N, C-alpha and C. Protein backbone atom coordinates (compact mmCIF):
# COMPACT_ATOMS: atom_id res chain seq x y z
N UNK A 1 0.85 -1.17 0.00
CA UNK A 1 0.00 0.00 0.00
C UNK A 1 0.90 1.24 0.00
N UNK A 2 0.57 2.16 -0.86
CA UNK A 2 1.29 3.43 -0.91
C UNK A 2 0.86 4.27 0.30
N UNK A 3 1.81 4.87 0.98
CA UNK A 3 1.48 5.69 2.14
C UNK A 3 0.99 7.07 1.74
N UNK A 4 1.37 7.54 0.56
CA UNK A 4 1.04 8.90 0.15
C UNK A 4 -0.15 9.00 -0.78
N UNK A 5 -1.22 8.30 -0.48
CA UNK A 5 -2.41 8.34 -1.33
C UNK A 5 -3.22 9.60 -1.05
N UNK A 6 -3.97 10.09 -2.04
CA UNK A 6 -4.82 11.26 -1.81
C UNK A 6 -6.06 10.89 -1.01
N UNK A 7 -6.64 11.87 -0.38
CA UNK A 7 -7.87 11.75 0.39
C UNK A 7 -7.69 10.95 1.68
N UNK A 8 -7.25 9.70 1.60
CA UNK A 8 -6.97 8.90 2.80
C UNK A 8 -5.60 8.28 2.60
N UNK A 9 -4.64 8.67 3.44
CA UNK A 9 -3.29 8.12 3.25
C UNK A 9 -3.21 6.69 3.78
N UNK A 10 -2.10 6.04 3.52
CA UNK A 10 -1.93 4.65 3.92
C UNK A 10 -2.02 4.42 5.42
N UNK A 11 -1.59 5.40 6.20
CA UNK A 11 -1.68 5.27 7.66
C UNK A 11 -3.13 5.25 8.10
N UNK A 12 -3.94 6.10 7.52
CA UNK A 12 -5.37 6.11 7.86
C UNK A 12 -6.04 4.82 7.41
N UNK A 13 -5.70 4.36 6.22
CA UNK A 13 -6.32 3.15 5.68
C UNK A 13 -5.96 1.92 6.50
N UNK A 14 -4.69 1.78 6.90
CA UNK A 14 -4.32 0.60 7.71
C UNK A 14 -4.98 0.68 9.09
N UNK A 15 -5.15 1.89 9.61
CA UNK A 15 -5.86 2.05 10.88
C UNK A 15 -7.29 1.56 10.77
N UNK A 16 -7.96 1.93 9.69
CA UNK A 16 -9.32 1.46 9.44
C UNK A 16 -9.35 -0.06 9.30
N UNK A 17 -8.40 -0.60 8.56
CA UNK A 17 -8.35 -2.06 8.35
C UNK A 17 -8.15 -2.80 9.67
N UNK A 18 -7.29 -2.28 10.53
CA UNK A 18 -7.02 -2.95 11.81
C UNK A 18 -8.20 -2.86 12.77
N UNK A 19 -9.01 -1.83 12.64
CA UNK A 19 -10.19 -1.69 13.51
C UNK A 19 -11.37 -2.53 13.03
N UNK A 20 -11.36 -2.94 11.77
CA UNK A 20 -12.46 -3.70 11.18
C UNK A 20 -12.19 -5.19 11.37
N UNK A 21 -13.13 -5.87 12.01
CA UNK A 21 -12.95 -7.31 12.28
C UNK A 21 -12.69 -8.12 11.02
N UNK A 22 -13.32 -7.77 9.92
CA UNK A 22 -13.18 -8.54 8.68
C UNK A 22 -11.79 -8.39 8.05
N UNK A 23 -11.09 -7.29 8.33
CA UNK A 23 -9.78 -7.05 7.71
C UNK A 23 -8.65 -6.92 8.72
N UNK A 24 -8.94 -7.18 9.96
CA UNK A 24 -7.95 -7.01 11.04
C UNK A 24 -6.67 -7.81 10.81
N UNK A 25 -6.80 -9.02 10.28
CA UNK A 25 -5.64 -9.90 10.09
C UNK A 25 -5.01 -9.78 8.70
N UNK A 26 -5.47 -8.85 7.90
CA UNK A 26 -4.93 -8.62 6.56
C UNK A 26 -3.42 -8.34 6.65
N UNK A 27 -2.64 -9.03 5.86
CA UNK A 27 -1.19 -8.82 5.81
C UNK A 27 -0.93 -7.61 4.93
N UNK A 28 0.00 -6.75 5.34
CA UNK A 28 0.18 -5.50 4.59
C UNK A 28 1.63 -5.06 4.55
N UNK A 29 1.99 -4.46 3.43
CA UNK A 29 3.32 -3.90 3.25
C UNK A 29 3.15 -2.44 2.87
N UNK A 30 3.77 -1.56 3.62
CA UNK A 30 3.75 -0.14 3.30
C UNK A 30 4.83 0.14 2.27
N UNK A 31 4.51 0.97 1.29
CA UNK A 31 5.50 1.41 0.31
C UNK A 31 5.55 2.92 0.37
N UNK A 32 6.77 3.44 0.49
CA UNK A 32 6.94 4.86 0.70
C UNK A 32 8.16 5.38 -0.04
N UNK A 33 8.11 6.63 -0.42
CA UNK A 33 9.26 7.28 -1.01
C UNK A 33 10.32 7.60 0.03
N UNK A 34 9.99 7.37 1.28
CA UNK A 34 10.91 7.63 2.39
C UNK A 34 11.47 6.32 2.90
N UNK A 35 12.77 6.22 3.01
CA UNK A 35 13.38 4.95 3.38
C UNK A 35 14.18 4.99 4.68
N UNK A 36 13.96 6.02 5.48
CA UNK A 36 14.69 6.11 6.75
C UNK A 36 14.13 5.11 7.76
N UNK A 37 14.95 4.76 8.73
CA UNK A 37 14.48 3.83 9.78
C UNK A 37 13.27 4.37 10.50
N UNK A 38 13.24 5.68 10.71
CA UNK A 38 12.08 6.26 11.40
C UNK A 38 10.81 6.10 10.57
N UNK A 39 10.94 6.15 9.25
CA UNK A 39 9.77 5.95 8.38
C UNK A 39 9.27 4.52 8.48
N UNK A 40 10.19 3.57 8.47
CA UNK A 40 9.81 2.16 8.60
C UNK A 40 9.18 1.91 9.97
N UNK A 41 9.77 2.46 11.00
CA UNK A 41 9.23 2.27 12.36
C UNK A 41 7.82 2.85 12.47
N UNK A 42 7.61 4.02 11.89
CA UNK A 42 6.27 4.63 11.93
C UNK A 42 5.25 3.75 11.23
N UNK A 43 5.63 3.16 10.09
CA UNK A 43 4.72 2.28 9.36
C UNK A 43 4.38 1.03 10.17
N UNK A 44 5.39 0.45 10.80
CA UNK A 44 5.15 -0.75 11.61
C UNK A 44 4.28 -0.43 12.83
N UNK A 45 4.54 0.70 13.46
CA UNK A 45 3.73 1.11 14.61
C UNK A 45 2.29 1.40 14.21
N UNK A 46 2.09 1.83 12.98
CA UNK A 46 0.73 2.13 12.50
C UNK A 46 -0.07 0.86 12.21
N UNK A 47 0.64 -0.29 12.08
CA UNK A 47 -0.08 -1.54 11.86
C UNK A 47 0.35 -2.32 10.63
N UNK A 48 1.29 -1.79 9.86
CA UNK A 48 1.79 -2.54 8.71
C UNK A 48 2.69 -3.68 9.19
N UNK A 49 2.78 -4.71 8.39
CA UNK A 49 3.63 -5.85 8.71
C UNK A 49 5.05 -5.68 8.19
N UNK A 50 5.23 -4.81 7.21
CA UNK A 50 6.55 -4.56 6.63
C UNK A 50 6.55 -3.19 5.97
N UNK A 51 7.73 -2.69 5.67
CA UNK A 51 7.88 -1.40 4.98
C UNK A 51 8.95 -1.54 3.92
N UNK A 52 8.66 -1.04 2.73
CA UNK A 52 9.64 -1.00 1.65
C UNK A 52 9.72 0.42 1.12
N UNK A 53 10.93 0.85 0.86
CA UNK A 53 11.12 2.17 0.25
C UNK A 53 10.98 2.03 -1.26
N UNK A 54 10.33 3.01 -1.88
CA UNK A 54 10.25 3.02 -3.34
C UNK A 54 11.62 3.38 -3.90
N UNK A 55 12.00 2.92 -4.87
CA UNK A 55 11.56 1.94 -5.81
C UNK A 55 12.18 0.61 -5.42
N UNK A 56 11.45 -0.18 -4.70
CA UNK A 56 11.93 -1.49 -4.27
C UNK A 56 12.02 -2.40 -5.49
N UNK A 57 13.01 -3.25 -5.46
CA UNK A 57 13.16 -4.21 -6.56
C UNK A 57 12.13 -5.33 -6.40
N UNK A 58 11.92 -6.06 -7.45
CA UNK A 58 11.00 -7.19 -7.39
C UNK A 58 11.50 -8.23 -6.39
N UNK A 59 12.81 -8.37 -6.28
CA UNK A 59 13.37 -9.31 -5.31
C UNK A 59 13.10 -8.86 -3.88
N UNK A 60 13.20 -7.56 -3.62
CA UNK A 60 12.89 -7.04 -2.28
C UNK A 60 11.41 -7.27 -1.96
N UNK A 61 10.55 -7.05 -2.94
CA UNK A 61 9.13 -7.27 -2.73
C UNK A 61 8.83 -8.75 -2.48
N UNK A 62 9.40 -9.62 -3.28
CA UNK A 62 9.21 -11.07 -3.08
C UNK A 62 9.68 -11.50 -1.69
N UNK A 63 10.80 -10.98 -1.27
CA UNK A 63 11.36 -11.31 0.05
C UNK A 63 10.42 -10.84 1.17
N UNK A 64 9.90 -9.63 1.04
CA UNK A 64 8.99 -9.10 2.06
C UNK A 64 7.72 -9.93 2.11
N UNK A 65 7.20 -10.31 0.97
CA UNK A 65 5.98 -11.14 0.92
C UNK A 65 6.25 -12.49 1.55
N UNK A 66 7.39 -13.07 1.28
CA UNK A 66 7.74 -14.39 1.84
C UNK A 66 7.82 -14.34 3.36
N UNK A 67 8.25 -13.21 3.92
CA UNK A 67 8.36 -13.06 5.37
C UNK A 67 7.00 -12.89 6.05
N UNK A 68 5.99 -12.55 5.27
CA UNK A 68 4.66 -12.36 5.85
C UNK A 68 4.04 -13.69 6.19
């Protein structure tokens, strides 16, 4: 999920997903143009299972999915 979406950003959307019983256990990866450790930590604290900085390679994405 892109964190910088219009109208509702990724942080808001994952918050909604975690509060909803039907989507609470949904596995999620945040994708952001920001790749600092603080950015990854913020995404994980918000409820994402992983964080990747854009432009992640297909191998990085496959690896993150495998860890889920």
